[in-house]
Amino acid sequence: MDFRGTDDRADKRRESGLKSSEDRRDNPEKASPAIVESYVKGVHFPAQKEDLVNQARDNGAPEDVLDVLDRFSDRDYKSPIDIAREVPKAER
């Protein structure tokens, strides 16, 4: 951090135009449940895995988020809580 209390890495990320999870590309373990949930915003529940992937694509999700969603189990997801619980399982 610099003397203003800002994170130099965050400044560089903003300057490069990267989204918050794009600097984590090729490392799906870094796609947190909160990041994954943010990219499926707008999906109607219950939702299938395919619905989640399509919504994330429509919302401009980076590849790391799409990779995590691709590894989700094929089942109904009833709420964002279900998604948050599935992310750690998909990272294994």
N, C-alpha and C. Protein backbone atom coordinates (compact mmCIF):
# COMPACT_ATOMS: atom_id res chain seq x y z
N MET A 1 0.84 -1.18 0.00
CA MET A 1 0.00 0.00 0.00
C MET A 1 0.88 1.24 0.00
N ASP A 2 0.38 2.27 -0.64
CA ASP A 2 1.15 3.50 -0.63
C ASP A 2 0.69 4.40 0.52
N PHE A 3 1.26 5.59 0.58
CA PHE A 3 0.98 6.47 1.71
C PHE A 3 -0.48 6.94 1.77
N ARG A 4 -1.22 6.86 0.68
CA ARG A 4 -2.63 7.27 0.68
C ARG A 4 -3.54 6.14 1.15
N GLY A 5 -2.96 4.99 1.44
CA GLY A 5 -3.77 3.86 1.90
C GLY A 5 -4.40 3.08 0.76
N THR A 6 -3.87 3.22 -0.45
CA THR A 6 -4.41 2.48 -1.58
C THR A 6 -3.49 1.33 -1.91
N ASP A 7 -4.02 0.35 -2.55
CA ASP A 7 -3.29 -0.84 -2.94
C ASP A 7 -2.75 -0.63 -4.35
N ASP A 8 -1.42 -0.65 -4.52
CA ASP A 8 -0.81 -0.44 -5.83
C ASP A 8 -1.29 -1.47 -6.85
N ARG A 9 -1.50 -2.71 -6.42
CA ARG A 9 -1.97 -3.74 -7.35
C ARG A 9 -3.35 -3.39 -7.88
N ALA A 10 -4.22 -2.91 -7.02
CA ALA A 10 -5.57 -2.53 -7.45
C ALA A 10 -5.49 -1.38 -8.44
N ASP A 11 -4.56 -0.42 -8.18
CA ASP A 11 -4.38 0.70 -9.10
C ASP A 11 -3.94 0.20 -10.47
N LYS A 12 -2.98 -0.71 -10.49
CA LYS A 12 -2.49 -1.26 -11.76
C LYS A 12 -3.59 -2.02 -12.48
N ARG A 13 -4.40 -2.76 -11.73
CA ARG A 13 -5.50 -3.52 -12.33
C ARG A 13 -6.49 -2.55 -12.96
N ARG A 14 -6.82 -1.47 -12.26
CA ARG A 14 -7.75 -0.47 -12.80
C ARG A 14 -7.15 0.17 -14.05
N GLU A 15 -5.88 0.50 -14.00
CA GLU A 15 -5.22 1.14 -15.15
C GLU A 15 -5.21 0.23 -16.36
N SER A 16 -5.09 -1.07 -16.15
CA SER A 16 -5.05 -2.01 -17.27
C SER A 16 -6.43 -2.35 -17.78
N GLY A 17 -7.48 -1.96 -17.04
CA GLY A 17 -8.84 -2.24 -17.47
C GLY A 17 -9.31 -3.63 -17.13
N LEU A 18 -8.60 -4.35 -16.29
CA LEU A 18 -9.00 -5.70 -15.94
C LEU A 18 -10.16 -5.69 -14.96
N LYS A 19 -11.05 -6.66 -15.13
CA LYS A 19 -12.11 -6.86 -14.15
C LYS A 19 -11.48 -7.50 -12.92
N SER A 20 -12.19 -7.45 -11.80
CA SER A 20 -11.62 -7.92 -10.54
C SER A 20 -11.14 -9.36 -10.58
N SER A 21 -11.81 -10.22 -11.33
CA SER A 21 -11.37 -11.61 -11.33
C SER A 21 -10.46 -11.93 -12.50
N GLU A 22 -10.29 -11.02 -13.47
CA GLU A 22 -9.47 -11.32 -14.62
C GLU A 22 -7.99 -11.44 -14.28
N ASP A 23 -7.55 -10.77 -13.22
CA ASP A 23 -6.16 -10.91 -12.84
C ASP A 23 -5.92 -12.26 -12.18
N ARG A 24 -6.96 -13.03 -12.01
CA ARG A 24 -6.88 -14.36 -11.41
C ARG A 24 -7.07 -15.46 -12.46
N ARG A 25 -7.11 -15.09 -13.72
CA ARG A 25 -7.36 -16.05 -14.80
C ARG A 25 -6.38 -17.22 -14.71
N ASP A 26 -6.83 -18.37 -15.17
CA ASP A 26 -6.07 -19.61 -15.14
C ASP A 26 -5.84 -20.12 -13.72
N ASN A 27 -6.56 -19.58 -12.76
CA ASN A 27 -6.49 -20.06 -11.39
C ASN A 27 -7.90 -20.06 -10.82
N PRO A 28 -8.72 -21.09 -11.20
CA PRO A 28 -10.12 -21.10 -10.78
C PRO A 28 -10.32 -21.10 -9.28
N GLU A 29 -9.29 -21.49 -8.52
CA GLU A 29 -9.44 -21.45 -7.07
C GLU A 29 -9.67 -20.02 -6.59
N LYS A 30 -9.28 -19.04 -7.40
CA LYS A 30 -9.41 -17.64 -7.02
C LYS A 30 -10.78 -17.06 -7.36
N ALA A 31 -11.63 -17.79 -8.07
CA ALA A 31 -12.98 -17.33 -8.38
C ALA A 31 -13.85 -17.60 -7.16
N SER A 32 -13.95 -16.61 -6.30
CA SER A 32 -14.67 -16.77 -5.04
C SER A 32 -16.16 -16.91 -5.27
N PRO A 33 -16.87 -17.46 -4.29
CA PRO A 33 -18.33 -17.54 -4.41
C PRO A 33 -18.96 -16.18 -4.70
N ALA A 34 -18.47 -15.13 -4.07
CA ALA A 34 -19.05 -13.80 -4.29
C ALA A 34 -18.86 -13.34 -5.73
N ILE A 35 -17.69 -13.61 -6.30
CA ILE A 35 -17.43 -13.23 -7.69
C ILE A 35 -18.33 -14.03 -8.62
N VAL A 36 -18.43 -15.34 -8.40
CA VAL A 36 -19.28 -16.18 -9.25
C VAL A 36 -20.73 -15.70 -9.15
N GLU A 37 -21.20 -15.46 -7.94
CA GLU A 37 -22.58 -14.98 -7.75
C GLU A 37 -22.81 -13.67 -8.48
N SER A 38 -21.84 -12.79 -8.48
CA SER A 38 -22.03 -11.49 -9.12
C SER A 38 -22.26 -11.63 -10.63
N TYR A 39 -21.66 -12.65 -11.24
CA TYR A 39 -21.82 -12.84 -12.68
C TYR A 39 -23.07 -13.61 -13.06
N VAL A 40 -23.73 -14.25 -12.11
CA VAL A 40 -25.00 -14.93 -12.43
C VAL A 40 -26.20 -14.09 -12.00
N LYS A 41 -25.93 -12.86 -11.60
CA LYS A 41 -27.01 -11.96 -11.19
C LYS A 41 -28.02 -11.82 -12.33
N GLY A 42 -29.28 -11.96 -11.97
CA GLY A 42 -30.35 -11.86 -12.96
C GLY A 42 -30.94 -13.20 -13.36
N VAL A 43 -30.29 -14.29 -12.96
CA VAL A 43 -30.82 -15.61 -13.27
C VAL A 43 -32.07 -15.86 -12.42
N HIS A 44 -33.02 -16.57 -12.98
CA HIS A 44 -34.25 -16.90 -12.25
C HIS A 44 -34.11 -18.29 -11.62
N PHE A 45 -34.43 -18.36 -10.34
CA PHE A 45 -34.33 -19.61 -9.60
C PHE A 45 -35.69 -20.29 -9.55
N PRO A 46 -35.73 -21.63 -9.54
CA PRO A 46 -34.58 -22.54 -9.61
C PRO A 46 -33.93 -22.46 -10.99
N ALA A 47 -32.63 -22.71 -11.01
CA ALA A 47 -31.85 -22.63 -12.24
C ALA A 47 -30.99 -23.87 -12.40
N GLN A 48 -30.84 -24.31 -13.61
CA GLN A 48 -29.95 -25.40 -13.96
C GLN A 48 -28.54 -24.84 -14.18
N LYS A 49 -27.55 -25.71 -14.17
CA LYS A 49 -26.17 -25.32 -14.43
C LYS A 49 -26.08 -24.53 -15.75
N GLU A 50 -26.75 -25.01 -16.77
CA GLU A 50 -26.72 -24.35 -18.08
C GLU A 50 -27.25 -22.91 -17.99
N ASP A 51 -28.29 -22.71 -17.18
CA ASP A 51 -28.84 -21.37 -16.99
C ASP A 51 -27.80 -20.45 -16.35
N LEU A 52 -27.08 -20.98 -15.37
CA LEU A 52 -26.05 -20.20 -14.68
C LEU A 52 -24.92 -19.81 -15.63
N VAL A 53 -24.47 -20.76 -16.42
CA VAL A 53 -23.39 -20.50 -17.38
C VAL A 53 -23.84 -19.46 -18.40
N ASN A 54 -25.05 -19.62 -18.94
CA ASN A 54 -25.55 -18.67 -19.94
C ASN A 54 -25.69 -17.27 -19.36
N GLN A 55 -26.20 -17.17 -18.13
CA GLN A 55 -26.36 -15.86 -17.50
C GLN A 55 -24.99 -15.21 -17.26
N ALA A 56 -24.04 -16.02 -16.81
CA ALA A 56 -22.69 -15.49 -16.57
C ALA A 56 -22.08 -14.98 -17.88
N ARG A 57 -22.26 -15.73 -18.96
CA ARG A 57 -21.75 -15.28 -20.27
C ARG A 57 -22.40 -13.96 -20.67
N ASP A 58 -23.73 -13.90 -20.51
CA ASP A 58 -24.46 -12.67 -20.85
C ASP A 58 -23.98 -11.48 -20.02
N ASN A 59 -23.54 -11.76 -18.80
CA ASN A 59 -23.07 -10.69 -17.90
C ASN A 59 -21.58 -10.40 -18.07
N GLY A 60 -20.95 -11.03 -19.06
CA GLY A 60 -19.54 -10.74 -19.35
C GLY A 60 -18.54 -11.40 -18.44
N ALA A 61 -18.88 -12.57 -17.90
CA ALA A 61 -17.97 -13.26 -16.98
C ALA A 61 -16.66 -13.64 -17.66
N PRO A 62 -15.54 -13.49 -16.95
CA PRO A 62 -14.25 -13.93 -17.48
C PRO A 62 -14.16 -15.46 -17.47
N GLU A 63 -13.18 -15.97 -18.16
CA GLU A 63 -13.03 -17.42 -18.32
C GLU A 63 -12.90 -18.17 -17.00
N ASP A 64 -12.23 -17.60 -16.01
CA ASP A 64 -12.07 -18.32 -14.75
C ASP A 64 -13.42 -18.59 -14.09
N VAL A 65 -14.33 -17.64 -14.18
CA VAL A 65 -15.67 -17.83 -13.60
C VAL A 65 -16.44 -18.87 -14.41
N LEU A 66 -16.35 -18.78 -15.73
CA LEU A 66 -17.04 -19.77 -16.58
C LEU A 66 -16.49 -21.17 -16.35
N ASP A 67 -15.18 -21.29 -16.13
CA ASP A 67 -14.58 -22.60 -15.86
C ASP A 67 -15.14 -23.20 -14.57
N VAL A 68 -15.29 -22.38 -13.54
CA VAL A 68 -15.85 -22.88 -12.28
C VAL A 68 -17.29 -23.32 -12.51
N LEU A 69 -18.08 -22.51 -13.19
CA LEU A 69 -19.48 -22.87 -13.44
C LEU A 69 -19.59 -24.14 -14.28
N ASP A 70 -18.68 -24.33 -15.23
CA ASP A 70 -18.69 -25.54 -16.05
C ASP A 70 -18.48 -26.80 -15.22
N ARG A 71 -17.82 -26.65 -14.07
CA ARG A 71 -17.57 -27.82 -13.21
C ARG A 71 -18.66 -28.02 -12.16
N PHE A 72 -19.68 -27.18 -12.16
CA PHE A 72 -20.81 -27.38 -11.24
C PHE A 72 -21.53 -28.69 -11.57
N SER A 73 -22.17 -29.28 -10.57
CA SER A 73 -22.99 -30.47 -10.76
C SER A 73 -24.24 -30.11 -11.56
N ASP A 74 -24.71 -31.06 -12.35
CA ASP A 74 -25.96 -30.86 -13.09
C ASP A 74 -27.13 -31.11 -12.15
N ARG A 75 -27.70 -30.03 -11.65
CA ARG A 75 -28.84 -30.12 -10.74
C ARG A 75 -29.54 -28.78 -10.69
N ASP A 76 -30.63 -28.71 -9.95
CA ASP A 76 -31.33 -27.45 -9.73
C ASP A 76 -30.63 -26.66 -8.63
N TYR A 77 -30.41 -25.38 -8.88
CA TYR A 77 -29.89 -24.46 -7.87
C TYR A 77 -31.04 -23.55 -7.49
N LYS A 78 -31.40 -23.58 -6.21
CA LYS A 78 -32.60 -22.89 -5.75
C LYS A 78 -32.38 -21.47 -5.30
N SER A 79 -31.12 -21.09 -5.05
CA SER A 79 -30.83 -19.74 -4.55
C SER A 79 -29.34 -19.45 -4.70
N PRO A 80 -28.95 -18.19 -4.49
CA PRO A 80 -27.52 -17.86 -4.50
C PRO A 80 -26.72 -18.64 -3.44
N ILE A 81 -27.38 -19.04 -2.38
CA ILE A 81 -26.70 -19.84 -1.35
C ILE A 81 -26.25 -21.17 -1.93
N ASP A 82 -27.09 -21.79 -2.76
CA ASP A 82 -26.69 -23.04 -3.43
C ASP A 82 -25.45 -22.83 -4.28
N ILE A 83 -25.39 -21.70 -4.96
CA ILE A 83 -24.22 -21.39 -5.81
C ILE A 83 -22.98 -21.24 -4.94
N ALA A 84 -23.10 -20.48 -3.85
CA ALA A 84 -21.96 -20.26 -2.95
C ALA A 84 -21.45 -21.58 -2.39
N ARG A 85 -22.33 -22.50 -2.12
CA ARG A 85 -21.91 -23.81 -1.58
C ARG A 85 -21.27 -24.69 -2.65
N GLU A 86 -21.63 -24.47 -3.91
CA GLU A 86 -21.10 -25.31 -4.98
C GLU A 86 -19.70 -24.88 -5.43
N VAL A 87 -19.36 -23.62 -5.30
CA VAL A 87 -18.07 -23.13 -5.79
C VAL A 87 -16.90 -23.92 -5.20
N PRO A 88 -16.82 -24.12 -3.88
CA PRO A 88 -15.68 -24.89 -3.34
C PRO A 88 -15.65 -26.33 -3.85
N LYS A 89 -16.80 -26.93 -4.07
CA LYS A 89 -16.85 -28.30 -4.62
C LYS A 89 -16.32 -28.32 -6.04
N ALA A 90 -16.63 -27.29 -6.81
CA ALA A 90 -16.20 -27.23 -8.22
C ALA A 90 -14.70 -26.97 -8.34
N GLU A 91 -14.10 -26.44 -7.31
CA GLU A 91 -12.67 -26.13 -7.35
C GLU A 91 -11.79 -27.34 -7.06
N ARG A 92 -12.38 -28.41 -6.61
CA ARG A 92 -11.57 -29.61 -6.26
C ARG A 92 -11.06 -30.30 -7.49
